[in-house]
């Protein structure tokens, strides 16, 4: 997969995503963020996720993307590149990201979200435009470039480009109203 947008547009869209998540965090109370079964979109039928769980899910994909960028630079293929394309492994990532952070307090999870999102923005900002379009240094039969690899993990269709939140909270105002 090749990048569908240039690095500057990817960064702009990612910042829009982070601003939307932060605005939702700022609008919700701690109780609203931790209340079970409030996320109704984009989850598996057996999940009863809170906003805190959703945040863990978002963190997971951004953390794997960060790792994958660093592995790419080192000439190695990150396992998530293939895992997100496989239904079973994709499901494991989905559930695993939430389970791995279940022990965290809300404050710890909010802190992790801020740190990971800032790190991902900084990492993408630091990529040179020519590197964004460059192919991997590891052997692969797939036609890809760095931007495409990032999109493949972070914004795998049907997600909108660099926007994961709308898959799960399509209308923030309606979501807030549903909690009150």
Protein backbone atom coordinates (compact mmCIF):
# COMPACT_ATOMS: atom_id res chain seq x y z
CA UNK A 1 0.00 0.00 0.00
CA UNK A 2 1.31 3.42 -0.90
CA UNK A 3 0.51 6.59 1.01
CA UNK A 4 -2.70 8.24 -0.15
CA UNK A 5 -1.76 11.64 1.30
CA UNK A 6 1.51 13.48 1.73
CA UNK A 7 3.19 13.77 5.13
CA UNK A 8 1.94 17.31 5.77
CA UNK A 9 -1.69 16.33 5.17
CA UNK A 10 -1.29 13.19 7.28
CA UNK A 11 0.04 15.29 10.14
CA UNK A 12 -2.76 17.84 9.77
CA UNK A 13 -5.41 15.11 9.87
CA UNK A 14 -3.75 13.40 12.83
CA UNK A 15 -3.69 16.69 14.74
CA UNK A 16 -7.40 17.12 13.96
CA UNK A 17 -7.99 13.64 15.39
CA UNK A 18 -6.05 14.43 18.55
CA UNK A 19 -7.87 17.74 19.00
CA UNK A 20 -11.23 15.96 18.69
CA UNK A 21 -10.25 13.33 21.27
CA UNK A 22 -8.91 16.02 23.62
CA UNK A 23 -12.09 18.08 23.24
CA UNK A 24 -14.14 15.03 24.17
CA UNK A 25 -11.91 14.31 27.17
CA UNK A 26 -12.33 17.92 28.30
CA UNK A 27 -16.13 17.70 27.93
CA UNK A 28 -16.59 14.48 29.90
CA UNK A 29 -16.52 13.87 33.62
CA UNK A 30 -14.42 11.07 35.09
CA UNK A 31 -17.60 9.08 35.73
CA UNK A 32 -18.76 9.52 32.13
CA UNK A 33 -15.37 8.39 30.81
CA UNK A 34 -15.41 5.21 32.92
CA UNK A 35 -19.11 4.29 32.57
CA UNK A 36 -19.44 0.87 30.90
CA UNK A 37 -21.23 0.21 27.62
CA UNK A 38 -21.32 3.75 26.26
CA UNK A 39 -19.44 3.18 22.98
CA UNK A 40 -21.99 1.88 20.48
CA UNK A 41 -20.11 2.06 17.17
CA UNK A 42 -17.20 0.10 15.74
CA UNK A 43 -16.91 -2.40 18.56
CA UNK A 44 -17.43 -6.14 18.55
CA UNK A 45 -20.91 -7.37 19.53
CA UNK A 46 -19.75 -8.68 22.91
CA UNK A 47 -17.99 -5.51 24.06
CA UNK A 48 -19.40 -3.10 26.60
CA UNK A 49 -16.79 -0.41 26.33
CA UNK A 50 -16.44 2.82 28.21
CA UNK A 51 -14.75 5.91 26.79
CA UNK A 52 -11.70 4.89 28.85
CA UNK A 53 -11.71 1.54 27.01
CA UNK A 54 -11.99 3.36 23.70
CA UNK A 55 -9.04 5.52 24.66
CA UNK A 56 -7.02 2.34 25.33
CA UNK A 57 -8.00 1.11 21.89
CA UNK A 58 -6.89 4.36 20.23
CA UNK A 59 -3.61 4.35 22.19
CA UNK A 60 -2.89 0.80 21.06
CA UNK A 61 -2.97 1.65 17.35
CA UNK A 62 -0.92 4.79 17.79
CA UNK A 63 1.67 2.96 19.92
CA UNK A 64 2.01 0.19 17.32
CA UNK A 65 2.37 2.83 14.60
CA UNK A 66 5.17 4.51 16.56
CA UNK A 67 6.92 1.18 17.01
CA UNK A 68 6.48 0.35 13.32
CA UNK A 69 8.02 3.66 12.21
CA UNK A 70 11.04 2.99 14.40
CA UNK A 71 11.34 -0.58 13.13
CA UNK A 72 11.06 0.68 9.53
CA UNK A 73 13.96 3.03 10.12
CA UNK A 74 15.99 0.13 11.51
CA UNK A 75 15.23 -1.92 8.40
CA UNK A 76 12.83 -4.30 10.13
CA UNK A 77 9.19 -5.11 9.44
CA UNK A 78 6.94 -4.61 12.50
CA UNK A 79 4.57 -7.50 13.19
CA UNK A 80 1.50 -5.21 13.24
CA UNK A 81 1.84 -4.51 9.50
CA UNK A 82 0.53 -7.99 8.72
CA UNK A 83 -1.49 -8.52 11.88
CA UNK A 84 -3.96 -5.72 11.15
CA UNK A 85 -4.79 -7.33 7.78
CA UNK A 86 -5.77 -10.66 9.34
CA UNK A 87 -9.26 -10.81 10.87
CA UNK A 88 -8.28 -13.01 13.82
CA UNK A 89 -5.10 -11.12 14.65
CA UNK A 90 -6.86 -7.78 14.11
CA UNK A 91 -9.46 -8.83 16.64
CA UNK A 92 -6.68 -9.78 19.07
CA UNK A 93 -5.14 -6.32 18.65
CA UNK A 94 -8.55 -4.73 19.22
CA UNK A 95 -9.23 -6.62 22.44
CA UNK A 96 -5.59 -6.67 23.51
CA UNK A 97 -5.13 -2.91 23.44
CA UNK A 98 -8.03 -2.55 25.84
CA UNK A 99 -7.00 -5.47 28.07
CA UNK A 100 -3.38 -4.30 28.33
CA UNK A 101 -4.50 -0.98 29.78
CA UNK A 102 -7.41 -2.15 31.94
CA UNK A 103 -5.28 -1.94 35.09
CA UNK A 104 -4.48 1.73 34.52
CA UNK A 105 -6.33 4.43 36.39
CA UNK A 106 -8.16 6.99 34.29
CA UNK A 107 -5.46 9.57 35.09
CA UNK A 108 -2.71 7.17 33.99
CA UNK A 109 -4.52 6.37 30.77
CA UNK A 110 -5.13 10.03 29.98
CA UNK A 111 -1.45 10.68 30.57
CA UNK A 112 -0.48 7.82 28.28
CA UNK A 113 -2.83 9.09 25.57
CA UNK A 114 -1.27 12.55 25.71
CA UNK A 115 2.27 11.13 25.61
CA UNK A 116 1.65 8.68 22.76
CA UNK A 117 -0.30 11.15 20.63
CA UNK A 118 2.38 13.83 21.07
CA UNK A 119 5.12 11.32 20.28
CA UNK A 120 3.36 10.15 17.12
CA UNK A 121 2.85 13.73 15.92
CA UNK A 122 6.52 14.49 16.58
CA UNK A 123 7.64 11.30 14.83
CA UNK A 124 5.60 12.06 11.70
CA UNK A 125 6.69 15.72 11.74
CA UNK A 126 10.32 14.56 11.77
CA UNK A 127 9.95 12.37 8.68
CA UNK A 128 11.42 14.00 5.58
CA UNK A 129 9.03 14.23 2.64
CA UNK A 130 11.26 12.02 0.48
CA UNK A 131 11.44 9.42 3.26
CA UNK A 132 7.61 9.44 3.47
CA UNK A 133 7.50 8.14 -0.10
CA UNK A 134 10.49 5.79 0.16
CA UNK A 135 10.14 2.04 0.11
CA UNK A 136 11.31 -0.27 2.87
CA UNK A 137 14.88 -1.46 3.25
CA UNK A 138 13.68 -4.93 4.27
CA UNK A 139 12.63 -7.54 1.71
CA UNK A 140 8.95 -7.57 0.85
CA UNK A 141 6.83 -8.44 -2.17
CA UNK A 142 4.38 -5.70 -1.22
CA UNK A 143 4.55 -2.33 -2.96
CA UNK A 144 4.63 0.12 -0.10
CA UNK A 145 6.26 3.22 1.26
CA UNK A 146 6.62 4.63 4.76
CA UNK A 147 3.43 6.69 4.53
CA UNK A 148 1.51 3.69 3.22
CA UNK A 149 2.83 1.48 6.01
CA UNK A 150 1.66 4.05 8.56
CA UNK A 151 -1.78 4.25 6.95
CA UNK A 152 -1.97 0.47 6.88
CA UNK A 153 -1.74 0.28 10.65
CA UNK A 154 -3.23 3.56 11.83
CA UNK A 155 -6.03 4.13 9.35
CA UNK A 156 -6.80 0.75 7.86
CA UNK A 157 -10.08 1.08 5.90
CA UNK A 158 -12.91 1.66 6.59
CA UNK A 159 -11.51 4.29 8.95
CA UNK A 160 -11.35 7.81 7.58
CA UNK A 161 -7.77 8.92 6.93
CA UNK A 162 -5.98 9.56 10.22
CA UNK A 163 -9.33 9.76 12.01
CA UNK A 164 -10.08 6.79 14.23
CA UNK A 165 -12.42 8.46 16.73
CA UNK A 166 -15.33 8.96 14.26
CA UNK A 167 -15.52 5.20 13.73
CA UNK A 168 -16.51 4.82 17.38
CA UNK A 169 -17.98 8.24 18.19
CA UNK A 170 -19.42 9.55 14.91
CA UNK A 171 -21.04 12.56 16.60
CA UNK A 172 -19.37 13.85 19.76
CA UNK A 173 -22.31 16.08 20.72
CA UNK A 174 -24.77 13.19 20.42
CA UNK A 175 -22.43 10.98 22.43
CA UNK A 176 -22.22 13.55 25.23
CA UNK A 177 -26.03 13.94 25.21
CA UNK A 178 -26.44 10.16 25.47
CA UNK A 179 -24.39 10.19 28.68
CA UNK A 180 -26.43 12.90 30.34
